[in-house]
């Protein structure tokens, strides 16, 4: 069992930046590939970014490539998502997820989810 708690969401103006974090507890954090997903009202949860257990393999959705950066600190059991040049269409609840031996870029590959943190970008 892995417990995940997101934080750092909030309201920001378009063009601004925000960093969200995901604190993990339970099983060894460094065993898991991790992903960030988001869900806007009325839409399905979608992939944003993922990072391998070692931090060496990164993947991004085309919509955030060049603006968002995923990273992790295994010593602190924490996952991060730095979001720059934010747009109103980035408004959503952001979820972190842990994948074990599954693809962390798809919803079905995530075994454990956090509760989410709201990010709102005003125009």
N, C-alpha and C. Protein backbone atom coordinates (compact mmCIF):
# COMPACT_ATOMS: atom_id res chain seq x y z
N UNK A 1 0.85 -1.20 0.00
CA UNK A 1 0.00 0.00 0.00
C UNK A 1 0.88 1.25 0.00
N UNK A 2 0.53 2.21 -0.86
CA UNK A 2 1.22 3.49 -0.92
C UNK A 2 0.20 4.58 -0.69
N UNK A 3 0.51 5.48 0.21
CA UNK A 3 -0.35 6.64 0.43
C UNK A 3 0.29 7.86 -0.24
N UNK A 4 -0.54 8.59 -0.98
CA UNK A 4 -0.06 9.75 -1.73
C UNK A 4 -0.89 10.97 -1.36
N UNK A 5 -0.21 12.07 -1.08
CA UNK A 5 -0.90 13.30 -0.71
C UNK A 5 -0.34 14.45 -1.54
N UNK A 6 -1.20 15.04 -2.38
CA UNK A 6 -0.80 16.17 -3.20
C UNK A 6 -0.96 17.47 -2.44
N UNK A 7 -0.17 18.47 -2.82
CA UNK A 7 -0.28 19.80 -2.25
C UNK A 7 0.27 20.80 -3.25
N UNK A 8 0.00 22.07 -2.99
CA UNK A 8 0.59 23.12 -3.80
C UNK A 8 -0.32 23.71 -4.86
N UNK A 9 -1.52 23.18 -4.98
CA UNK A 9 -2.44 23.75 -5.96
C UNK A 9 -2.90 25.13 -5.54
N UNK A 10 -3.59 25.81 -6.44
CA UNK A 10 -4.10 27.13 -6.13
C UNK A 10 -4.58 27.86 -7.35
N UNK A 11 -4.77 29.16 -7.19
CA UNK A 11 -5.23 30.03 -8.26
C UNK A 11 -4.05 30.85 -8.76
N UNK A 12 -3.88 30.87 -10.07
CA UNK A 12 -2.78 31.62 -10.68
C UNK A 12 -3.27 32.24 -11.98
N UNK A 13 -2.68 33.36 -12.34
CA UNK A 13 -3.06 34.01 -13.60
C UNK A 13 -2.37 33.32 -14.78
N UNK A 14 -2.97 33.44 -15.92
CA UNK A 14 -2.39 32.89 -17.14
C UNK A 14 -0.98 33.45 -17.33
N UNK A 15 -0.07 32.56 -17.71
CA UNK A 15 1.33 32.95 -17.86
C UNK A 15 2.16 32.73 -16.61
N UNK A 16 1.49 32.47 -15.51
CA UNK A 16 2.19 32.28 -14.24
C UNK A 16 2.70 30.87 -14.06
N UNK A 17 3.26 30.64 -12.87
CA UNK A 17 3.86 29.34 -12.55
C UNK A 17 3.33 28.82 -11.23
N UNK A 18 3.41 27.51 -11.10
CA UNK A 18 2.97 26.85 -9.88
C UNK A 18 3.71 25.53 -9.78
N UNK A 19 4.04 25.11 -8.56
CA UNK A 19 4.63 23.79 -8.38
C UNK A 19 3.74 22.98 -7.44
N UNK A 20 3.33 21.83 -7.91
CA UNK A 20 2.58 20.92 -7.06
C UNK A 20 3.48 19.77 -6.63
N UNK A 21 3.20 19.26 -5.44
CA UNK A 21 4.01 18.20 -4.85
C UNK A 21 3.14 17.01 -4.49
N UNK A 22 3.77 15.87 -4.38
CA UNK A 22 3.07 14.64 -3.99
C UNK A 22 3.97 13.91 -3.00
N UNK A 23 3.53 13.86 -1.75
CA UNK A 23 4.29 13.18 -0.70
C UNK A 23 3.82 11.74 -0.58
N UNK A 24 4.76 10.83 -0.58
CA UNK A 24 4.43 9.40 -0.53
C UNK A 24 4.84 8.79 0.80
N UNK A 25 4.07 7.82 1.23
CA UNK A 25 4.41 7.06 2.43
C UNK A 25 3.92 5.63 2.23
N UNK A 26 4.41 4.73 3.08
CA UNK A 26 4.05 3.33 2.94
C UNK A 26 5.22 2.57 2.34
N UNK A 27 4.99 1.90 1.22
CA UNK A 27 6.06 1.13 0.59
C UNK A 27 7.15 2.05 0.07
N UNK A 28 8.27 1.48 -0.30
CA UNK A 28 9.43 2.24 -0.74
C UNK A 28 9.12 3.03 -2.00
N UNK A 29 9.17 4.35 -1.87
CA UNK A 29 8.81 5.25 -2.97
C UNK A 29 9.65 4.99 -4.22
N UNK A 30 10.93 4.72 -4.02
CA UNK A 30 11.84 4.56 -5.16
C UNK A 30 11.59 3.30 -5.97
N UNK A 31 10.68 2.46 -5.51
CA UNK A 31 10.33 1.26 -6.28
C UNK A 31 9.38 1.55 -7.43
N UNK A 32 8.74 2.73 -7.40
CA UNK A 32 7.62 2.98 -8.29
C UNK A 32 7.91 4.03 -9.35
N UNK A 33 7.46 3.74 -10.56
CA UNK A 33 7.33 4.79 -11.55
C UNK A 33 6.14 5.65 -11.12
N UNK A 34 6.21 6.95 -11.40
CA UNK A 34 5.18 7.86 -10.94
C UNK A 34 4.62 8.68 -12.09
N UNK A 35 3.37 9.08 -11.94
CA UNK A 35 2.75 9.90 -12.97
C UNK A 35 1.92 11.02 -12.39
N UNK A 36 1.77 12.08 -13.17
CA UNK A 36 0.82 13.14 -12.89
C UNK A 36 -0.29 13.06 -13.94
N UNK A 37 -1.51 13.18 -13.47
CA UNK A 37 -2.67 13.20 -14.32
C UNK A 37 -3.53 14.39 -13.91
N UNK A 38 -4.47 14.76 -14.76
CA UNK A 38 -5.38 15.85 -14.41
C UNK A 38 -6.78 15.54 -14.93
N UNK A 39 -7.74 16.14 -14.26
CA UNK A 39 -9.13 15.94 -14.66
C UNK A 39 -9.88 17.25 -14.53
N UNK A 40 -10.37 17.74 -15.66
CA UNK A 40 -11.18 18.95 -15.69
C UNK A 40 -12.66 18.56 -15.56
N UNK A 41 -13.50 19.49 -15.13
CA UNK A 41 -14.93 19.18 -14.97
C UNK A 41 -15.54 18.66 -16.26
N UNK A 42 -16.23 17.55 -16.16
CA UNK A 42 -16.90 16.98 -17.31
C UNK A 42 -16.00 16.23 -18.27
N UNK A 43 -14.73 16.10 -17.93
CA UNK A 43 -13.79 15.41 -18.80
C UNK A 43 -13.17 14.22 -18.09
N UNK A 44 -12.61 13.33 -18.89
CA UNK A 44 -11.95 12.18 -18.31
C UNK A 44 -10.56 12.56 -17.78
N UNK A 45 -10.08 11.75 -16.87
CA UNK A 45 -8.74 11.96 -16.35
C UNK A 45 -7.73 11.72 -17.47
N UNK A 46 -6.75 12.63 -17.59
CA UNK A 46 -5.78 12.51 -18.68
C UNK A 46 -4.35 12.57 -18.16
N UNK A 47 -3.48 11.94 -18.90
CA UNK A 47 -2.07 11.89 -18.57
C UNK A 47 -1.43 13.26 -18.76
N UNK A 48 -0.52 13.62 -17.84
CA UNK A 48 0.22 14.87 -17.95
C UNK A 48 1.72 14.59 -18.10
N UNK A 49 2.28 13.82 -17.16
CA UNK A 49 3.72 13.55 -17.18
C UNK A 49 4.01 12.33 -16.33
N UNK A 50 5.11 11.67 -16.64
CA UNK A 50 5.53 10.52 -15.83
C UNK A 50 7.04 10.50 -15.69
N UNK A 51 7.49 9.78 -14.69
CA UNK A 51 8.92 9.67 -14.42
C UNK A 51 9.20 8.27 -13.90
N UNK A 52 10.29 7.69 -14.38
CA UNK A 52 10.64 6.34 -13.94
C UNK A 52 11.15 6.35 -12.50
N UNK A 53 11.28 5.16 -11.92
CA UNK A 53 11.69 5.07 -10.52
C UNK A 53 13.05 5.71 -10.28
N UNK A 54 13.93 5.66 -11.30
CA UNK A 54 15.28 6.22 -11.16
C UNK A 54 15.34 7.69 -11.53
N UNK A 55 14.26 8.19 -12.14
CA UNK A 55 14.26 9.57 -12.57
C UNK A 55 14.87 9.80 -13.93
N UNK A 56 15.24 8.73 -14.62
CA UNK A 56 15.96 8.89 -15.89
C UNK A 56 15.06 8.89 -17.12
N UNK A 57 13.86 8.37 -16.99
CA UNK A 57 12.94 8.30 -18.13
C UNK A 57 11.75 9.21 -17.84
N UNK A 58 11.57 10.21 -18.68
CA UNK A 58 10.49 11.18 -18.52
C UNK A 58 9.58 11.14 -19.74
N UNK A 59 8.31 11.31 -19.50
CA UNK A 59 7.34 11.40 -20.59
C UNK A 59 6.39 12.55 -20.30
N UNK A 60 5.96 13.24 -21.37
CA UNK A 60 5.04 14.36 -21.22
C UNK A 60 3.94 14.27 -22.26
N UNK A 61 2.78 14.74 -21.88
CA UNK A 61 1.72 14.94 -22.86
C UNK A 61 2.13 16.09 -23.77
N UNK A 62 1.71 16.02 -25.03
CA UNK A 62 2.06 17.07 -25.99
C UNK A 62 1.58 18.44 -25.51
N UNK A 63 0.47 18.46 -24.83
CA UNK A 63 -0.14 19.73 -24.42
C UNK A 63 0.68 20.48 -23.36
N UNK A 64 1.59 19.76 -22.68
CA UNK A 64 2.37 20.41 -21.62
C UNK A 64 3.87 20.40 -21.90
N UNK A 65 4.26 19.74 -22.97
CA UNK A 65 5.68 19.63 -23.29
C UNK A 65 6.30 21.00 -23.46
N UNK A 66 7.44 21.22 -22.80
CA UNK A 66 8.12 22.51 -22.87
C UNK A 66 7.67 23.50 -21.82
N UNK A 67 6.55 23.21 -21.14
CA UNK A 67 6.05 24.11 -20.11
C UNK A 67 6.10 23.47 -18.72
N UNK A 68 5.88 22.17 -18.64
CA UNK A 68 5.85 21.46 -17.36
C UNK A 68 7.11 20.60 -17.22
N UNK A 69 7.56 20.44 -15.97
CA UNK A 69 8.70 19.58 -15.68
C UNK A 69 8.38 18.69 -14.49
N UNK A 70 8.51 17.39 -14.70
CA UNK A 70 8.31 16.43 -13.61
C UNK A 70 9.66 16.07 -13.02
N UNK A 71 9.69 15.89 -11.72
CA UNK A 71 10.91 15.48 -11.04
C UNK A 71 10.55 14.73 -9.77
N UNK A 72 11.54 14.09 -9.19
CA UNK A 72 11.30 13.36 -7.94
C UNK A 72 12.54 13.43 -7.07
N UNK A 73 12.32 13.33 -5.77
CA UNK A 73 13.40 13.25 -4.80
C UNK A 73 13.13 12.00 -3.98
N UNK A 74 13.82 10.93 -4.30
CA UNK A 74 13.57 9.66 -3.62
C UNK A 74 13.98 9.70 -2.15
N UNK A 75 14.93 10.55 -1.81
CA UNK A 75 15.34 10.67 -0.41
C UNK A 75 14.24 11.32 0.42
N UNK A 76 13.42 12.15 -0.23
CA UNK A 76 12.33 12.84 0.47
C UNK A 76 10.97 12.21 0.19
N UNK A 77 10.97 11.13 -0.59
CA UNK A 77 9.71 10.45 -0.94
C UNK A 77 8.70 11.43 -1.55
N UNK A 78 9.17 12.27 -2.43
CA UNK A 78 8.32 13.33 -2.96
C UNK A 78 8.45 13.43 -4.47
N UNK A 79 7.31 13.62 -5.11
CA UNK A 79 7.21 13.85 -6.55
C UNK A 79 6.79 15.30 -6.77
N UNK A 80 7.30 15.91 -7.83
CA UNK A 80 7.00 17.31 -8.12
C UNK A 80 6.52 17.47 -9.56
N UNK A 81 5.77 18.55 -9.76
CA UNK A 81 5.42 18.98 -11.10
C UNK A 81 5.53 20.50 -11.13
N UNK A 82 6.54 20.98 -11.83
CA UNK A 82 6.71 22.42 -12.01
C UNK A 82 5.95 22.82 -13.26
N UNK A 83 5.04 23.77 -13.11
CA UNK A 83 4.19 24.19 -14.22
C UNK A 83 4.45 25.66 -14.51
N UNK A 84 4.95 25.92 -15.71
CA UNK A 84 5.23 27.29 -16.15
C UNK A 84 4.34 27.66 -17.33
N UNK A 85 4.26 28.94 -17.61
CA UNK A 85 3.45 29.43 -18.74
C UNK A 85 2.05 28.83 -18.71
N UNK A 86 1.44 28.87 -17.57
CA UNK A 86 0.14 28.23 -17.41
C UNK A 86 -0.93 28.90 -18.26
N UNK A 87 -1.86 28.07 -18.73
CA UNK A 87 -2.96 28.52 -19.57
C UNK A 87 -4.29 28.19 -18.89
N UNK A 88 -5.35 28.90 -19.22
CA UNK A 88 -6.65 28.56 -18.63
C UNK A 88 -7.05 27.11 -18.86
N UNK A 89 -6.65 26.55 -19.98
CA UNK A 89 -7.00 25.15 -20.26
C UNK A 89 -6.23 24.16 -19.39
N UNK A 90 -5.28 24.63 -18.60
CA UNK A 90 -4.60 23.76 -17.64
C UNK A 90 -5.40 23.61 -16.35
N UNK A 91 -6.48 24.34 -16.23
CA UNK A 91 -7.32 24.26 -15.04
C UNK A 91 -7.90 22.85 -14.88
N UNK A 92 -7.65 22.26 -13.72
CA UNK A 92 -8.09 20.89 -13.46
C UNK A 92 -7.70 20.50 -12.04
N UNK A 93 -8.19 19.36 -11.62
CA UNK A 93 -7.66 18.72 -10.42
C UNK A 93 -6.49 17.85 -10.85
N UNK A 94 -5.36 18.04 -10.19
CA UNK A 94 -4.14 17.31 -10.54
C UNK A 94 -3.93 16.18 -9.53
N UNK A 95 -3.72 14.99 -10.09
CA UNK A 95 -3.54 13.78 -9.28
C UNK A 95 -2.17 13.17 -9.53
N UNK A 96 -1.53 12.70 -8.48
CA UNK A 96 -0.34 11.88 -8.68
C UNK A 96 -0.72 10.42 -8.51
N UNK A 97 0.04 9.57 -9.15
CA UNK A 97 -0.24 8.15 -9.09
C UNK A 97 1.04 7.34 -9.12
N UNK A 98 0.99 6.17 -8.50
CA UNK A 98 2.13 5.27 -8.45
C UNK A 98 1.82 4.03 -9.27
N UNK A 99 2.77 3.65 -10.11
CA UNK A 99 2.63 2.48 -10.96
C UNK A 99 3.68 1.45 -10.58
N UNK A 100 3.27 0.19 -10.51
CA UNK A 100 4.20 -0.89 -10.19
C UNK A 100 4.15 -1.92 -11.31
N UNK A 101 5.23 -1.98 -12.08
CA UNK A 101 5.35 -2.91 -13.21
C UNK A 101 4.28 -2.67 -14.27
N UNK A 102 3.72 -1.46 -14.29
CA UNK A 102 2.73 -1.11 -15.30
C UNK A 102 3.12 0.23 -15.92
N UNK A 103 2.43 0.56 -17.02
CA UNK A 103 2.71 1.80 -17.76
C UNK A 103 2.19 3.00 -16.97
N UNK A 104 3.05 3.92 -16.56
CA UNK A 104 2.59 5.06 -15.76
C UNK A 104 1.99 6.19 -16.58
N UNK A 105 1.88 6.00 -17.89
CA UNK A 105 1.33 7.05 -18.74
C UNK A 105 -0.15 6.85 -19.05
N UNK A 106 -0.72 5.80 -18.52
CA UNK A 106 -2.14 5.56 -18.74
C UNK A 106 -2.84 5.37 -17.39
N UNK A 107 -4.10 5.75 -17.33
CA UNK A 107 -4.86 5.64 -16.07
C UNK A 107 -4.85 4.20 -15.57
N UNK A 108 -4.99 3.26 -16.48
CA UNK A 108 -5.04 1.86 -16.08
C UNK A 108 -3.75 1.32 -15.52
N UNK A 109 -2.65 2.02 -15.71
CA UNK A 109 -1.38 1.57 -15.18
C UNK A 109 -1.10 2.01 -13.77
N UNK A 110 -1.94 2.89 -13.25
CA UNK A 110 -1.74 3.43 -11.91
C UNK A 110 -2.42 2.54 -10.88
N UNK A 111 -1.65 2.17 -9.87
CA UNK A 111 -2.19 1.31 -8.82
C UNK A 111 -2.72 2.12 -7.63
N UNK A 112 -2.03 3.19 -7.29
CA UNK A 112 -2.46 4.02 -6.16
C UNK A 112 -2.54 5.47 -6.58
N UNK A 113 -3.58 6.16 -6.12
CA UNK A 113 -3.83 7.55 -6.45
C UNK A 113 -3.84 8.42 -5.20
N UNK A 114 -3.43 9.69 -5.37
CA UNK A 114 -3.66 10.67 -4.33
C UNK A 114 -5.06 11.22 -4.44
N UNK A 115 -5.39 12.15 -3.56
CA UNK A 115 -6.74 12.70 -3.51
C UNK A 115 -6.93 13.88 -4.47
N UNK A 116 -5.83 14.41 -4.98
CA UNK A 116 -5.88 15.48 -5.95
C UNK A 116 -5.72 16.86 -5.32
N UNK A 117 -5.26 17.80 -6.14
CA UNK A 117 -5.14 19.20 -5.73
C UNK A 117 -5.62 20.07 -6.88
N UNK A 118 -6.42 21.07 -6.56
CA UNK A 118 -7.04 21.91 -7.58
C UNK A 118 -6.06 22.98 -8.07
N UNK A 119 -5.95 23.07 -9.38
CA UNK A 119 -5.18 24.15 -10.03
C UNK A 119 -6.15 24.93 -10.91
N UNK A 120 -6.23 26.22 -10.67
CA UNK A 120 -7.12 27.08 -11.44
C UNK A 120 -6.30 28.20 -12.06
N UNK A 121 -6.40 28.33 -13.38
CA UNK A 121 -5.67 29.36 -14.11
C UNK A 121 -6.68 30.36 -14.66
N UNK A 122 -6.56 31.59 -14.24
CA UNK A 122 -7.49 32.62 -14.70
C UNK A 122 -6.92 33.34 -15.91
N UNK A 123 -7.84 33.77 -16.77
CA UNK A 123 -7.40 34.45 -18.00
C UNK A 123 -7.27 35.95 -17.81
